[in-house]
Protein backbone atom coordinates (compact mmCIF):
# COMPACT_ATOMS: atom_id res chain seq x y z
CA MET A 1 196.61 152.30 60.78
CA GLY A 2 197.07 151.76 57.11
CA SER A 3 197.48 148.54 54.95
CA SER A 4 201.29 148.58 55.56
CA SER A 5 200.83 148.33 59.28
CA PHE A 6 198.62 145.71 58.92
CA LEU A 7 200.79 143.36 56.83
CA THR A 8 203.39 144.30 59.40
CA GLY A 9 201.47 143.20 62.18
CA THR A 10 200.30 140.07 60.33
CA ASN A 11 204.07 139.12 59.63
CA ALA A 12 204.92 139.66 63.17
CA PHE A 13 201.96 137.47 64.44
CA LYS A 14 203.13 134.69 61.78
CA GLY A 15 206.81 134.97 63.52
CA ILE A 16 205.34 134.80 66.90
CA LEU A 17 203.42 131.64 65.84
CA LEU A 18 206.18 129.86 64.41
CA ALA A 19 208.49 130.70 67.50
CA ALA A 20 205.90 129.28 69.69
CA LEU A 21 205.53 126.17 67.68
CA LEU A 22 209.21 125.55 67.71
CA THR A 23 209.46 125.58 71.34
CA LEU A 24 206.46 123.33 71.96
CA PRO A 25 208.60 120.14 72.28
CA LEU A 26 210.95 121.83 74.77
CA LEU A 27 208.17 122.73 77.30
CA GLY A 28 207.68 119.29 78.65
CA PHE A 29 204.34 118.35 77.09
CA SER A 30 203.25 114.74 76.82
CA ASP A 31 203.42 112.70 73.73
CA TYR A 32 199.59 113.11 73.29
CA VAL A 33 199.57 116.86 73.22
CA LEU A 34 202.51 116.60 70.67
CA HIS A 35 200.38 114.06 68.57
CA ILE A 36 197.44 116.62 68.45
CA ALA A 37 199.88 119.25 67.41
CA ILE A 38 201.51 117.06 64.72
CA SER A 39 197.94 115.87 63.61
CA ILE A 40 196.69 119.57 63.19
CA LEU A 41 199.98 120.71 61.37
CA LEU A 42 200.02 117.58 59.01
CA TRP A 43 196.28 117.90 58.08
CA ALA A 44 196.91 121.74 57.72
CA PHE A 45 199.49 120.88 55.10
CA ILE A 46 196.82 118.62 53.32
CA TYR A 47 194.12 121.39 53.59
CA THR A 48 196.44 123.88 52.14
CA SER A 49 197.13 121.65 49.28
CA TRP A 50 193.43 121.48 48.52
CA SER A 51 192.86 125.39 48.84
CA VAL A 52 195.68 125.70 46.18
CA MET A 53 192.87 124.89 43.56
CA GLY A 54 189.71 125.19 45.39
CA ARG A 55 190.22 128.86 45.89
CA PHE A 56 189.74 129.40 42.27
CA GLY A 57 186.56 127.47 42.15
CA LEU A 58 187.79 124.14 41.31
CA VAL A 59 185.85 122.26 43.95
CA SER A 60 187.52 118.82 43.98
CA LEU A 61 185.95 115.87 45.87
CA GLY A 62 188.56 113.51 44.78
CA HIS A 63 191.45 114.43 46.79
CA GLY A 64 190.91 111.49 49.09
CA ALA A 65 192.33 109.59 45.65
CA PHE A 66 195.37 111.75 45.64
CA LEU A 67 196.08 111.31 49.41
CA GLY A 68 195.40 107.37 48.91
CA VAL A 69 198.05 107.16 46.04
CA GLY A 70 200.72 109.10 48.41
CA ALA A 71 200.23 106.77 51.34
CA TYR A 72 199.43 103.67 49.62
CA GLY A 73 202.04 103.93 47.07
CA THR A 74 205.03 104.76 49.55
CA THR A 75 203.79 101.88 51.91
CA MET A 76 203.47 99.29 49.14
CA LEU A 77 206.81 100.28 47.45
CA TRP A 78 208.48 99.58 50.90
CA ASN A 79 206.69 96.49 52.07
CA HIS A 80 206.73 94.52 48.72
CA PHE A 81 210.11 95.94 47.18
CA GLY A 82 212.08 97.26 50.04
CA LEU A 83 212.27 100.93 48.22
CA THR A 84 212.94 103.29 50.90
CA PRO A 85 210.36 106.15 51.24
CA TRP A 86 213.04 108.63 50.32
CA VAL A 87 212.44 107.11 46.80
CA GLY A 88 209.01 105.84 46.99
CA ILE A 89 207.47 109.35 48.11
CA PRO A 90 208.90 111.24 44.81
CA ILE A 91 207.33 108.01 42.79
CA SER A 92 204.02 108.24 44.54
CA ILE A 93 204.03 112.23 44.06
CA LEU A 94 204.41 111.48 40.42
CA LEU A 95 201.72 109.17 40.05
CA SER A 96 199.31 111.30 41.73
CA ALA A 97 200.32 114.33 39.56
CA VAL A 98 199.81 111.83 36.51
CA LEU A 99 196.40 110.95 38.03
CA GLY A 100 195.55 114.68 38.34
CA LEU A 101 196.24 115.24 34.59
CA LEU A 102 194.30 112.09 33.63
CA ILE A 103 191.18 113.26 35.47
CA GLY A 104 191.79 117.02 34.79
CA LEU A 105 192.68 116.88 31.06
CA PRO A 106 189.27 115.40 29.59
CA CYS A 107 187.42 117.74 32.29
CA PHE A 108 189.01 120.99 31.36
CA ARG A 109 189.08 120.16 27.84
CA PHE A 110 185.49 119.61 27.41
CA LYS A 111 184.59 122.31 29.93
CA ILE A 112 183.18 120.05 32.63
CA THR A 113 183.06 122.56 35.57
CA GLY A 114 180.95 123.25 38.82
CA HIS A 115 178.72 120.62 40.18
CA TYR A 116 179.92 118.03 37.40
CA PHE A 117 183.46 118.46 37.96
CA ALA A 118 182.88 117.89 41.78
CA LEU A 119 180.78 114.63 40.99
CA VAL A 120 183.64 113.43 38.54
CA THR A 121 186.34 113.80 41.21
CA LEU A 122 183.84 112.44 43.84
CA ALA A 123 183.85 109.19 41.63
CA LEU A 124 187.55 109.28 41.43
CA THR A 125 187.70 109.02 45.21
CA GLU A 126 185.36 106.06 45.45
CA VAL A 127 187.08 104.27 42.52
CA ALA A 128 190.47 104.57 44.44
CA ARG A 129 188.68 103.28 47.70
CA LEU A 130 187.31 100.36 45.74
CA LEU A 131 190.51 99.57 44.11
CA ILE A 132 192.44 99.51 47.47
CA VAL A 133 189.82 97.26 49.06
CA ALA A 134 189.76 95.09 45.79
CA LEU A 135 193.63 94.48 45.65
CA ARG A 136 193.32 93.22 49.59
CA ASP A 137 196.14 90.75 48.94
CA HIS A 138 198.49 93.72 48.41
CA THR A 139 196.94 96.44 50.38
CA GLY A 140 195.27 94.73 53.13
CA GLY A 141 192.07 95.71 51.95
CA SER A 142 189.51 97.29 54.35
CA LEU A 143 191.67 96.00 57.24
CA GLY A 144 194.48 98.41 56.17
CA VAL A 145 198.06 97.96 56.31
CA THR A 146 201.23 98.75 58.33
CA PRO A 147 204.49 99.88 56.96
CA ALA A 148 207.11 97.13 57.68
CA GLY A 149 208.64 98.41 60.94
CA MET A 150 212.32 99.36 61.38
CA VAL A 151 212.37 100.89 64.78
CA SER A 152 212.59 99.36 68.15
CA PRO A 153 213.43 100.68 71.57
CA GLU A 154 216.80 99.56 70.92
CA ASN A 155 216.83 101.36 67.67
CA PRO A 156 214.16 104.56 67.85
CA VAL A 157 215.64 106.03 64.41
CA SER A 158 215.75 104.68 61.08
CA PHE A 159 216.43 107.44 58.32
CA TYR A 160 216.45 104.84 55.74
CA ALA A 161 212.85 103.86 56.42
CA LEU A 162 211.77 107.54 57.48
CA GLN A 163 210.74 106.12 60.89
CA PHE A 164 211.00 107.68 64.13
CA ALA A 165 209.87 106.53 67.86
CA SER A 166 210.30 110.19 69.07
CA LYS A 167 207.26 112.52 68.75
CA SER A 168 209.56 115.39 68.93
CA VAL A 169 211.34 114.48 65.81
CA TRP A 170 208.27 113.93 64.03
CA PHE A 171 206.96 117.34 65.27
CA TYR A 172 210.00 119.25 63.77
CA ILE A 173 209.52 117.21 60.40
CA ILE A 174 205.80 118.11 60.33
CA VAL A 175 206.59 121.64 60.97
CA GLY A 176 208.86 121.86 58.21
CA VAL A 177 206.24 119.99 55.95
CA TRP A 178 203.51 122.90 56.89
CA LEU A 179 205.90 125.68 56.24
CA VAL A 180 206.56 124.16 52.73
CA GLY A 181 202.80 124.09 52.18
CA LEU A 182 202.43 127.56 53.05
CA LEU A 183 205.40 128.85 50.86
CA ILE A 184 203.85 126.93 47.73
CA TRP A 185 200.57 128.51 48.50
CA ARG A 186 202.30 131.99 48.93
CA ALA A 187 204.13 131.20 45.59
CA VAL A 188 201.01 130.70 43.71
CA ASP A 189 199.19 133.51 45.14
CA ARG A 190 201.96 135.81 43.89
CA SER A 191 202.45 134.44 40.67
CA MET A 192 200.85 135.11 37.32
CA LEU A 193 199.06 131.72 37.72
CA ARG A 194 196.81 133.32 40.33
CA TYR A 195 195.69 136.34 38.14
CA ALA A 196 195.00 133.58 35.28
CA MET A 197 192.93 131.43 37.40
CA GLU A 198 190.95 134.20 38.75
CA ALA A 199 190.25 135.44 35.30
CA ILE A 200 189.22 131.78 34.29
CA SER A 201 186.96 131.52 37.27
CA GLN A 202 185.08 134.57 36.27
CA GLU A 203 184.71 133.93 32.52
CA GLU A 204 186.78 131.29 30.60
CA ASP A 205 185.71 132.29 27.20
CA ALA A 206 186.95 135.95 27.77
CA SER A 207 190.20 134.78 29.58
CA ALA A 208 190.90 132.59 26.46
CA SER A 209 190.30 135.67 23.95
CA VAL A 210 192.89 137.49 25.65
CA GLY A 211 195.62 134.53 25.35
CA ILE A 212 195.25 132.70 28.57
CA ASN A 213 195.68 128.78 27.76
CA VAL A 214 192.58 127.81 29.99
CA THR A 215 193.37 124.08 29.92
CA ARG A 216 196.91 124.25 30.65
CA THR A 217 196.43 126.71 33.37
CA LYS A 218 193.85 124.75 35.35
CA LEU A 219 195.91 121.56 34.63
CA THR A 220 198.87 123.29 36.51
CA VAL A 221 196.98 124.12 39.43
CA THR A 222 195.41 120.66 39.61
CA VAL A 223 198.93 118.96 39.32
CA ILE A 224 200.28 121.03 42.12
CA SER A 225 197.28 120.51 44.27
CA ALA A 226 197.30 116.73 43.49
CA ALA A 227 201.24 116.49 44.09
CA MET A 228 201.24 118.07 47.42
CA THR A 229 198.24 116.09 48.59
CA ALA A 230 200.12 112.96 47.68
CA PHE A 231 202.99 114.06 49.70
CA GLY A 232 200.89 114.89 52.55
CA GLY A 233 199.38 111.16 52.42
CA ALA A 234 202.85 109.84 52.30
CA VAL A 235 204.18 111.46 55.45
CA TYR A 236 200.72 110.76 57.04
CA GLY A 237 201.31 106.82 56.38
CA GLN A 238 204.85 107.25 57.78
CA TYR A 239 203.69 109.06 60.87
CA GLN A 240 200.86 106.94 61.72
CA GLN A 241 202.39 103.60 60.94
CA TYR A 242 198.97 102.33 59.58
CA ILE A 243 196.65 103.15 56.85
CA ASN A 244 193.36 102.09 55.75
CA PRO A 245 191.08 103.13 52.85
CA GLU A 246 188.53 105.04 54.99
CA THR A 247 191.37 107.09 56.69
CA VAL A 248 192.96 108.14 53.42
CA SER A 249 190.60 107.59 50.47
CA GLY A 250 187.00 107.60 51.75
CA ILE A 251 184.52 110.26 50.90
CA ALA A 252 184.36 111.18 54.21
CA ILE A 253 188.00 112.34 54.03
CA SER A 254 187.10 114.43 51.16
CA LEU A 255 184.27 115.89 52.77
CA GLN A 256 186.42 116.65 55.83
CA ILE A 257 188.96 118.40 53.45
CA VAL A 258 186.51 120.68 51.82
CA PHE A 259 184.60 121.52 55.01
CA ALA A 260 187.99 122.40 57.04
CA VAL A 261 189.18 124.78 54.27
CA ILE A 262 185.97 126.50 54.04
CA ALA A 263 185.43 126.58 57.72
CA GLY A 264 189.18 128.23 58.17
CA GLY A 265 189.20 130.16 55.01
CA MET A 266 190.17 129.13 51.56
CA PHE A 267 191.17 132.83 50.66
CA VAL A 268 193.69 133.23 53.42
CA GLN A 269 197.31 131.47 53.78
CA LEU A 270 196.64 130.30 57.26
CA GLY A 271 192.84 129.47 56.74
CA PRO A 272 193.45 125.82 56.12
CA THR A 273 195.57 125.81 59.42
CA VAL A 274 192.50 127.38 61.27
CA GLY A 275 190.42 124.71 59.70
CA ALA A 276 192.61 121.90 60.78
CA VAL A 277 192.49 123.11 64.28
CA ILE A 278 188.71 123.12 64.16
CA THR A 279 188.40 119.73 62.49
CA ILE A 280 191.08 117.79 64.75
CA LEU A 281 190.01 119.16 68.00
CA LEU A 282 186.36 118.51 67.06
CA GLY A 283 187.29 114.88 66.11
CA GLU A 284 189.41 114.30 69.11
CA GLY A 285 186.68 115.82 71.34
CA LEU A 286 184.05 113.70 70.08
CA ARG A 287 186.15 110.62 70.32
CA LEU A 288 186.70 111.29 74.03
CA GLY A 289 183.34 112.35 74.82
CA PHE A 290 181.48 109.50 72.86
CA GLY A 291 183.92 106.92 71.91
CA ASN A 292 182.88 104.67 68.91
CA GLU A 293 179.10 104.81 70.33
CA PHE A 294 178.19 107.21 67.36
CA HIS A 295 180.10 106.06 64.53
CA GLY A 296 180.32 108.70 61.66
CA LEU A 297 179.03 111.26 64.20
CA ASP A 298 181.89 113.80 63.07
CA VAL A 299 181.10 113.36 59.28
CA THR A 300 177.48 114.35 60.13
CA ILE A 301 178.70 117.42 61.97
CA TYR A 302 181.02 118.24 59.09
CA GLY A 303 178.08 118.30 56.71
CA LEU A 304 175.95 120.34 58.74
CA MET A 305 178.58 122.92 59.69
CA LEU A 306 179.60 123.10 55.97
CA ILE A 307 175.98 124.28 55.09
CA LEU A 308 176.14 126.83 57.71
CA PHE A 309 179.62 128.22 56.86
CA ILE A 310 178.78 128.32 53.11
CA ILE A 311 175.34 130.38 53.90
CA TYR A 312 176.59 132.66 56.81
CA MET A 313 180.32 132.70 56.76
CA PRO A 314 181.56 131.96 53.12
CA ARG A 315 184.92 133.53 53.82
CA GLY A 316 185.69 131.30 56.85
CA VAL A 317 186.55 132.04 60.42
CA LEU A 318 189.98 133.75 59.51
CA GLY A 319 188.76 135.39 56.41
CA LYS A 320 185.84 137.05 58.35
CA ALA A 321 188.06 138.01 61.23
CA ILE A 322 190.52 139.68 58.87
CA GLU A 323 187.68 141.43 56.94
CA SER A 324 186.09 142.72 59.99
CA PHE A 325 189.40 143.90 61.51
CA THR A 326 190.48 145.60 58.33
CA ALA A 327 187.17 147.34 58.04
CA ARG A 328 187.63 148.52 61.75
CA VAL A 329 191.21 150.00 61.39
CA THR A 330 190.77 151.47 57.84
CA PRO A 331 189.66 155.00 57.78
CA PRO A 332 186.52 155.62 55.68
CA ARG A 333 187.16 157.21 52.29
CA VAL A 334 186.19 160.87 52.16
CA GLN A 335 183.94 161.44 49.14
CA PRO A 336 184.69 164.70 46.72
CA GLY A 337 182.97 167.66 48.05
CA GLU A 338 182.55 166.56 51.81
């Protein structure tokens, strides 16, 4: 079996997966099952957003800030100004992109990379969380906030408020969001941006010497990732109808994002989706098994598993599976003279 056959099989698998997803609401599953599926796909989009920059060595621990801007920006514009999410979401995405520029420009211009870049972005997440708490009169502080409701049993759909009572409607919306994330990931993967970033991740000075604008290239990837994450946060707030600083801007969320992408495989298009399956099912299993008896247990497990994956499976579950499968089906090269 050659590489072309492998690619054909991969595309066929993706088609089967999508077809199975689209039929899920038609099979009579409960709202709980649909909620789990929605959560997996929504977080898969958010994880994919992080992997757009994370796969090139830009390890950000600040995506909780971008997630919070998307969620809180959209909700505050709706609650305080009556601005429909159809307008509030683009504004929140723009704000997050500007925030990505503001944090990325000085870092990349002064060559703040590696652990130092991660620490700067970690501080960004904490500043965003503390700001949300400090503005409690507007954001609800640590208690969180609920978007003003426009749906009811008599009126289960509000396109203006982007609110839907039906899990099936939300499921198809989130499937669309997830597909958009995969398409953006693929577009970046097949663009010259990828090759420029790969060169920069190996050696910045050498990349600059051959004409690559290092700062602009890094900023482009950062802005794309930040904007996507903000969009995911906005959709999360609309779906959950409740947000608080810990669920969208806490350090634990940033840690969860990094763990999920590394666990699933940041170098594979569907790797973040596999990571979402792992984190959502693990979190839900712990909730059902222990309730709130061991608060923060999931974060502890994420941290321990992150260390194990980095040491023993750096390419993630899906990346390792593809690597093993490819090695098994690819015939060994015959050396000259053999």
